[in-house]
C-alpha cells in the first residue's frame, strides 16, 4: 500500500514538473523579446526540473542515488536563476533593448 501511495505522489510531482516545463516552452515561443523569454524559461525550467527530480527521489526511495538527486536539485535551484540573471544582465549591458508596445 505504501509503494502505491509513493508511486502516485511521484507521478503527481513528475506531471506537475512536466506542466511547468511545457509552460516555459510555450513562453519561449510566444513572448515577444529576449528578456520575457528568459523570464519564462528561467523560472519554469527551474521549478519544472526540480519537481521532476523530486518525483524521482520519491519514486526511488531513500538511498544513495536519492541523495545525489537531492544535491542535483539544490545545484539547479542555485545555478539556473544565477545563470539566467547573468545572461540577461549581459544582454542589457551590450545594449539589447526590452520590447515596448508602440
Foldseek 3Di string as FASTA:
>chain_A
DVLVVLLVQLVVLLVVLVVLQVQLVVQLVPDDDDLSNLVSNLVSNLSSVLSNLVSVLSNVDDDPVSVVSVVVNVCSNPPSVVVSVVVVVVCVVVPDDDDDDD
